[in-house]
Every structure is written in C-alpha cells, then in structure tokens.
Amino acid sequence: MKKIWITGASSGIGKAVAIKFAKEGWQVVASARTEKLLTDLSQFNNNIYPFPLDVTDKNRCKDVFKEI
C-alpha cells in the first residue's frame, strides 16, 4: 500500500489532498498544528492517520518521520 505524508492537512488544499489520496486507497499521514481538526479528518476515512505537528519543530518532524 502506498503512503503519503501531508502537512497542513487540517484545512484548505491540504485537507482536500488528504481526502483525495485516502479515497484512492493510500495510507495518509496527516499533519497540522490543530489536533482537533486532524482528529475530525481522520474520522472521515480510515486511511487517514493524524500526527499533530508544527513543521518548524525539526525534532518533532524527525520523530514523526520515524513513526511513519
């Protein structure tokens, strides 16, 4: 199964792209600063996995990458 990591996935283009890939069967790792919006997004489709993240935090980015 293909995987994709989308940052800024809680709204706008990022959210739309996450939903599109999830509907096409991809495993989508969705990141954004707003945990509640990510949780709501992950309930939309079982292929979406939320990882709250501020992309300016380099160490957290590395940690999420390792988890993926």
PDB file of N, CA and C in Angstrom:
ATOM      1  N   MET A   1       0.839  -1.176   0.000  1.00  0.00           N
ATOM      2  CA  MET A   1       0.000   0.000   0.000  1.00  0.00           C
ATOM      3  C   MET A   1       0.889   1.246   0.000  1.00  0.00           C
ATOM      4  N   LYS A   2       0.481   2.233  -0.760  1.00  0.00           N
ATOM      5  CA  LYS A   2       1.247   3.465  -0.842  1.00  0.00           C
ATOM      6  C   LYS A   2       0.944   4.363   0.353  1.00  0.00           C
ATOM      7  N   LYS A   3       1.963   5.127   0.762  1.00  0.00           N
ATOM      8  CA  LYS A   3       1.827   6.060   1.878  1.00  0.00           C
ATOM      9  C   LYS A   3       2.222   7.455   1.422  1.00  0.00           C
ATOM     10  N   ILE A   4       1.558   8.452   2.010  1.00  0.00           N
ATOM     11  CA  ILE A   4       1.904   9.843   1.742  1.00  0.00           C
ATOM     12  C   ILE A   4       1.772  10.625   3.038  1.00  0.00           C
ATOM     13  N   TRP A   5       2.659  11.589   3.215  1.00  0.00           N
ATOM     14  CA  TRP A   5       2.631  12.448   4.392  1.00  0.00           C
ATOM     15  C   TRP A   5       2.271  13.847   3.910  1.00  0.00           C
ATOM     16  N   ILE A   6       1.162  14.374   4.416  1.00  0.00           N
ATOM     17  CA  ILE A   6       0.686  15.689   4.021  1.00  0.00           C
ATOM     18  C   ILE A   6       0.714  16.611   5.233  1.00  0.00           C
ATOM     19  N   THR A   7       1.449  17.713   5.104  1.00  0.00           N
ATOM     20  CA  THR A   7       1.452  18.726   6.165  1.00  0.00           C
ATOM     21  C   THR A   7       0.431  19.799   5.804  1.00  0.00           C
ATOM     22  N   GLY A   8      -0.086  20.469   6.811  1.00  0.00           N
ATOM     23  CA  GLY A   8      -1.130  21.461   6.577  1.00  0.00           C
ATOM     24  C   GLY A   8      -2.439  20.797   6.188  1.00  0.00           C
ATOM     25  N   ALA A   9      -2.670  19.597   6.710  1.00  0.00           N
ATOM     26  CA  ALA A   9      -3.807  18.779   6.290  1.00  0.00           C
ATOM     27  C   ALA A   9      -5.111  19.086   7.013  1.00  0.00           C
ATOM     28  N   SER A  10      -5.107  20.040   7.930  1.00  0.00           N
ATOM     29  CA  SER A  10      -6.322  20.276   8.704  1.00  0.00           C
ATOM     30  C   SER A  10      -7.360  21.116   7.977  1.00  0.00           C
ATOM     31  N   SER A  11      -6.954  21.810   6.897  1.00  0.00           N
ATOM     32  CA  SER A  11      -7.918  22.644   6.179  1.00  0.00           C
ATOM     33  C   SER A  11      -7.426  22.935   4.766  1.00  0.00           C
ATOM     34  N   GLY A  12      -8.296  23.537   3.972  1.00  0.00           N
ATOM     35  CA  GLY A  12      -7.934  24.007   2.639  1.00  0.00           C
ATOM     36  C   GLY A  12      -7.427  22.922   1.713  1.00  0.00           C
ATOM     37  N   ILE A  13      -6.403  23.276   0.950  1.00  0.00           N
ATOM     38  CA  ILE A  13      -5.838  22.371  -0.053  1.00  0.00           C
ATOM     39  C   ILE A  13      -5.270  21.112   0.596  1.00  0.00           C
ATOM     40  N   GLY A  14      -4.594  21.268   1.729  1.00  0.00           N
ATOM     41  CA  GLY A  14      -4.030  20.105   2.415  1.00  0.00           C
ATOM     42  C   GLY A  14      -5.086  19.085   2.799  1.00  0.00           C
ATOM     43  N   LYS A  15      -6.212  19.564   3.311  1.00  0.00           N
ATOM     44  CA  LYS A  15      -7.314  18.669   3.689  1.00  0.00           C
ATOM     45  C   LYS A  15      -7.893  17.991   2.450  1.00  0.00           C
ATOM     46  N   ALA A  16      -8.106  18.764   1.385  1.00  0.00           N
ATOM     47  CA  ALA A  16      -8.664  18.206   0.153  1.00  0.00           C
ATOM     48  C   ALA A  16      -7.758  17.134  -0.436  1.00  0.00           C
ATOM     49  N   VAL A  17      -6.454  17.373  -0.415  1.00  0.00           N
ATOM     50  CA  VAL A  17      -5.494  16.399  -0.947  1.00  0.00           C
ATOM     51  C   VAL A  17      -5.487  15.136  -0.078  1.00  0.00           C
ATOM     52  N   ALA A  18      -5.542  15.316   1.242  1.00  0.00           N
ATOM     53  CA  ALA A  18      -5.568  14.161   2.147  1.00  0.00           C
ATOM     54  C   ALA A  18      -6.792  13.290   1.867  1.00  0.00           C
ATOM     55  N   ILE A  19      -7.941  13.912   1.703  1.00  0.00           N
ATOM     56  CA  ILE A  19      -9.170  13.165   1.424  1.00  0.00           C
ATOM     57  C   ILE A  19      -9.074  12.462   0.075  1.00  0.00           C
ATOM     58  N   LYS A  20      -8.563  13.138  -0.926  1.00  0.00           N
ATOM     59  CA  LYS A  20      -8.433  12.553  -2.270  1.00  0.00           C
ATOM     60  C   LYS A  20      -7.564  11.300  -2.244  1.00  0.00           C
ATOM     61  N   PHE A  21      -6.385  11.401  -1.618  1.00  0.00           N
ATOM     62  CA  PHE A  21      -5.488  10.246  -1.568  1.00  0.00           C
ATOM     63  C   PHE A  21      -6.100   9.110  -0.748  1.00  0.00           C
ATOM     64  N   ALA A  22      -6.744   9.445   0.358  1.00  0.00           N
ATOM     65  CA  ALA A  22      -7.360   8.411   1.200  1.00  0.00           C
ATOM     66  C   ALA A  22      -8.449   7.667   0.439  1.00  0.00           C
ATOM     67  N   LYS A  23      -9.253   8.397  -0.331  1.00  0.00           N
ATOM     68  CA  LYS A  23     -10.309   7.765  -1.130  1.00  0.00           C
ATOM     69  C   LYS A  23      -9.732   6.846  -2.206  1.00  0.00           C
ATOM     70  N   GLU A  24      -8.521   7.151  -2.651  1.00  0.00           N
ATOM     71  CA  GLU A  24      -7.868   6.329  -3.675  1.00  0.00           C
ATOM     72  C   GLU A  24      -7.108   5.151  -3.074  1.00  0.00           C
ATOM     73  N   GLY A  25      -7.224   4.969  -1.745  1.00  0.00           N
ATOM     74  CA  GLY A  25      -6.645   3.802  -1.093  1.00  0.00           C
ATOM     75  C   GLY A  25      -5.271   3.992  -0.487  1.00  0.00           C
ATOM     76  N   TRP A  26      -4.738   5.202  -0.544  1.00  0.00           N
ATOM     77  CA  TRP A  26      -3.431   5.473   0.063  1.00  0.00           C
ATOM     78  C   TRP A  26      -3.575   5.547   1.583  1.00  0.00           C
ATOM     79  N   GLN A  27      -2.502   5.207   2.299  1.00  0.00           N
ATOM     80  CA  GLN A  27      -2.407   5.494   3.724  1.00  0.00           C
ATOM     81  C   GLN A  27      -1.895   6.928   3.828  1.00  0.00           C
ATOM     82  N   VAL A  28      -2.684   7.793   4.449  1.00  0.00           N
ATOM     83  CA  VAL A  28      -2.361   9.207   4.518  1.00  0.00           C
ATOM     84  C   VAL A  28      -1.974   9.583   5.945  1.00  0.00           C
ATOM     85  N   VAL A  29      -0.755  10.053   6.095  1.00  0.00           N
ATOM     86  CA  VAL A  29      -0.317  10.620   7.365  1.00  0.00           C
ATOM     87  C   VAL A  29      -0.604  12.114   7.260  1.00  0.00           C
ATOM     88  N   ALA A  30      -1.496  12.592   8.115  1.00  0.00           N
ATOM     89  CA  ALA A  30      -1.941  13.982   8.056  1.00  0.00           C
ATOM     90  C   ALA A  30      -1.370  14.752   9.243  1.00  0.00           C
ATOM     91  N   SER A  31      -0.676  15.832   8.935  1.00  0.00           N
ATOM     92  CA  SER A  31      -0.085  16.664   9.982  1.00  0.00           C
ATOM     93  C   SER A  31      -0.563  18.099   9.870  1.00  0.00           C
ATOM     94  N   ALA A  32      -0.697  18.721  11.029  1.00  0.00           N
ATOM     95  CA  ALA A  32      -1.036  20.137  11.150  1.00  0.00           C
ATOM     96  C   ALA A  32      -0.914  20.494  12.631  1.00  0.00           C
ATOM     97  N   ARG A  33      -1.005  21.758  12.928  1.00  0.00           N
ATOM     98  CA  ARG A  33      -0.885  22.182  14.321  1.00  0.00           C
ATOM     99  C   ARG A  33      -2.159  21.938  15.120  1.00  0.00           C
ATOM    100  N   THR A  34      -3.316  21.938  14.474  1.00  0.00           N
ATOM    101  CA  THR A  34      -4.593  21.847  15.177  1.00  0.00           C
ATOM    102  C   THR A  34      -5.031  20.394  15.308  1.00  0.00           C
ATOM    103  N   GLU A  35      -4.807  19.834  16.483  1.00  0.00           N
ATOM    104  CA  GLU A  35      -5.085  18.415  16.721  1.00  0.00           C
ATOM    105  C   GLU A  35      -6.557  18.073  16.527  1.00  0.00           C
ATOM    106  N   LYS A  36      -7.457  18.907  16.975  1.00  0.00           N
ATOM    107  CA  LYS A  36      -8.901  18.636  16.867  1.00  0.00           C
ATOM    108  C   LYS A  36      -9.316  18.481  15.404  1.00  0.00           C
ATOM    109  N   LEU A  37      -8.839  19.366  14.543  1.00  0.00           N
ATOM    110  CA  LEU A  37      -9.194  19.275  13.128  1.00  0.00           C
ATOM    111  C   LEU A  37      -8.623  18.009  12.487  1.00  0.00           C
ATOM    112  N   LEU A  38      -7.440  17.605  12.909  1.00  0.00           N
ATOM    113  CA  LEU A  38      -6.852  16.366  12.389  1.00  0.00           C
ATOM    114  C   LEU A  38      -7.647  15.150  12.836  1.00  0.00           C
ATOM    115  N   THR A  39      -8.075  15.170  14.091  1.00  0.00           N
ATOM    116  CA  THR A  39      -8.882  14.073  14.614  1.00  0.00           C
ATOM    117  C   THR A  39     -10.192  13.969  13.839  1.00  0.00           C
ATOM    118  N   ASP A  40     -10.828  15.113  13.595  1.00  0.00           N
ATOM    119  CA  ASP A  40     -12.062  15.120  12.805  1.00  0.00           C
ATOM    120  C   ASP A  40     -11.806  14.564  11.404  1.00  0.00           C
ATOM    121  N   LEU A  41     -10.702  14.949  10.789  1.00  0.00           N
ATOM    122  CA  LEU A  41     -10.354  14.482   9.457  1.00  0.00           C
ATOM    123  C   LEU A  41     -10.144  12.971   9.445  1.00  0.00           C
ATOM    124  N   SER A  42      -9.476  12.452  10.461  1.00  0.00           N
ATOM    125  CA  SER A  42      -9.186  11.008  10.493  1.00  0.00           C
ATOM    126  C   SER A  42     -10.456  10.184  10.675  1.00  0.00           C
ATOM    127  N   GLN A  43     -11.494  10.772  11.247  1.00  0.00           N
ATOM    128  CA  GLN A  43     -12.764  10.059  11.407  1.00  0.00           C
ATOM    129  C   GLN A  43     -13.527   9.989  10.085  1.00  0.00           C
ATOM    130  N   PHE A  44     -13.141  10.822   9.133  1.00  0.00           N
ATOM    131  CA  PHE A  44     -13.761  10.846   7.811  1.00  0.00           C
ATOM    132  C   PHE A  44     -13.403   9.606   7.002  1.00  0.00           C
ATOM    133  N   ASN A  45     -12.177   9.103   7.191  1.00  0.00           N
ATOM    134  CA  ASN A  45     -11.692   7.977   6.395  1.00  0.00           C
ATOM    135  C   ASN A  45     -10.672   7.189   7.206  1.00  0.00           C
ATOM    136  N   ASN A  46     -10.789   5.882   7.200  1.00  0.00           N
ATOM    137  CA  ASN A  46      -9.893   5.008   7.978  1.00  0.00           C
ATOM    138  C   ASN A  46      -8.461   5.007   7.470  1.00  0.00           C
ATOM    139  N   ASN A  47      -8.216   5.536   6.286  1.00  0.00           N
ATOM    140  CA  ASN A  47      -6.865   5.586   5.733  1.00  0.00           C
ATOM    141  C   ASN A  47      -6.092   6.831   6.156  1.00  0.00           C
ATOM    142  N   ILE A  48      -6.709   7.689   6.963  1.00  0.00           N
ATOM    143  CA  ILE A  48      -6.056   8.931   7.394  1.00  0.00           C
ATOM    144  C   ILE A  48      -5.613   8.787   8.846  1.00  0.00           C
ATOM    145  N   TYR A  49      -4.325   9.023   9.075  1.00  0.00           N
ATOM    146  CA  TYR A  49      -3.730   8.890  10.406  1.00  0.00           C
ATOM    147  C   TYR A  49      -3.211  10.257  10.858  1.00  0.00           C
ATOM    148  N   PRO A  50      -3.774  10.797  11.949  1.00  0.00           N
ATOM    149  CA  PRO A  50      -3.380  12.143  12.387  1.00  0.00           C
ATOM    150  C   PRO A  50      -2.079  12.153  13.191  1.00  0.00           C
ATOM    151  N   PHE A  51      -1.215  13.105  12.876  1.00  0.00           N
ATOM    152  CA  PHE A  51       0.014  13.339  13.622  1.00  0.00           C
ATOM    153  C   PHE A  51       0.151  14.842  13.834  1.00  0.00           C
ATOM    154  N   PRO A  52      -0.356  15.353  14.976  1.00  0.00           N
ATOM    155  CA  PRO A  52      -0.229  16.795  15.243  1.00  0.00           C
ATOM    156  C   PRO A  52       1.236  17.204  15.193  1.00  0.00           C
ATOM    157  N   LEU A  53       1.493  18.344  14.536  1.00  0.00           N
ATOM    158  CA  LEU A  53       2.872  18.728  14.295  1.00  0.00           C
ATOM    159  C   LEU A  53       2.958  20.188  13.878  1.00  0.00           C
ATOM    160  N   ASP A  54       3.935  20.873  14.425  1.00  0.00           N
ATOM    161  CA  ASP A  54       4.320  22.198  13.941  1.00  0.00           C
ATOM    162  C   ASP A  54       5.596  21.973  13.137  1.00  0.00           C
ATOM    163  N   VAL A  55       5.548  22.208  11.840  1.00  0.00           N
ATOM    164  CA  VAL A  55       6.683  21.872  10.982  1.00  0.00           C
ATOM    165  C   VAL A  55       7.940  22.694  11.277  1.00  0.00           C
ATOM    166  N   THR A  56       7.826  23.723  12.101  1.00  0.00           N
ATOM    167  CA  THR A  56       9.024  24.476  12.484  1.00  0.00           C
ATOM    168  C   THR A  56       9.802  23.766  13.583  1.00  0.00           C
ATOM    169  N   ASP A  57       9.213  22.708  14.160  1.00  0.00           N
ATOM    170  CA  ASP A  57       9.874  21.924  15.205  1.00  0.00           C
ATOM    171  C   ASP A  57      10.605  20.752  14.527  1.00  0.00           C
ATOM    172  N   LYS A  58      11.879  20.966  14.218  1.00  0.00           N
ATOM    173  CA  LYS A  58      12.649  19.970  13.455  1.00  0.00           C
ATOM    174  C   LYS A  58      12.728  18.619  14.155  1.00  0.00           C
ATOM    175  N   ASN A  59      12.877  18.621  15.458  1.00  0.00           N
ATOM    176  CA  ASN A  59      12.981  17.355  16.187  1.00  0.00           C
ATOM    177  C   ASN A  59      11.679  16.570  16.120  1.00  0.00           C
ATOM    178  N   ARG A  60      10.551  17.257  16.251  1.00  0.00           N
ATOM    179  CA  ARG A  60       9.253  16.586  16.163  1.00  0.00           C
ATOM    180  C   ARG A  60       9.046  16.040  14.746  1.00  0.00           C
ATOM    181  N   CYS A  61       9.465  16.782  13.735  1.00  0.00           N
ATOM    182  CA  CYS A  61       9.369  16.304  12.349  1.00  0.00           C
ATOM    183  C   CYS A  61      10.136  14.995  12.184  1.00  0.00           C
ATOM    184  N   LYS A  62      11.332  14.942  12.740  1.00  0.00           N
ATOM    185  CA  LYS A  62      12.137  13.722  12.657  1.00  0.00           C
ATOM    186  C   LYS A  62      11.454  12.568  13.381  1.00  0.00           C
ATOM    187  N   ASP A  63      10.860  12.858  14.544  1.00  0.00           N
ATOM    188  CA  ASP A  63      10.165  11.826  15.307  1.00  0.00           C
ATOM    189  C   ASP A  63       8.962  11.263  14.540  1.00  0.00           C
ATOM    190  N   VAL A  64       8.191  12.158  13.947  1.00  0.00           N
ATOM    191  CA  VAL A  64       7.030  11.709  13.164  1.00  0.00           C
ATOM    192  C   VAL A  64       7.492  10.880  11.972  1.00  0.00           C
ATOM    193  N   PHE A  65       8.539  11.318  11.297  1.00  0.00           N
ATOM    194  CA  PHE A  65       9.066  10.568  10.160  1.00  0.00           C
ATOM    195  C   PHE A  65       9.458   9.158  10.578  1.00  0.00           C
ATOM    196  N   LYS A  66      10.099   9.017  11.727  1.00  0.00           N
ATOM    197  CA  LYS A  66      10.480   7.690  12.228  1.00  0.00           C
ATOM    198  C   LYS A  66       9.252   6.830  12.520  1.00  0.00           C
ATOM    199  N   GLU A  67       8.191   7.452  13.065  1.00  0.00           N
ATOM    200  CA  GLU A  67       6.960   6.713  13.373  1.00  0.00           C
ATOM    201  C   GLU A  67       6.259   6.232  12.111  1.00  0.00           C
ATOM    202  N   ILE A  68       6.354   7.029  11.081  1.00  0.00           N
ATOM    203  CA  ILE A  68       5.722   6.660   9.820  1.00  0.00           C
ATOM    204  C   ILE A  68       6.416   5.432   9.255  1.00  0.00           C
TER     205      ILE A  68
END
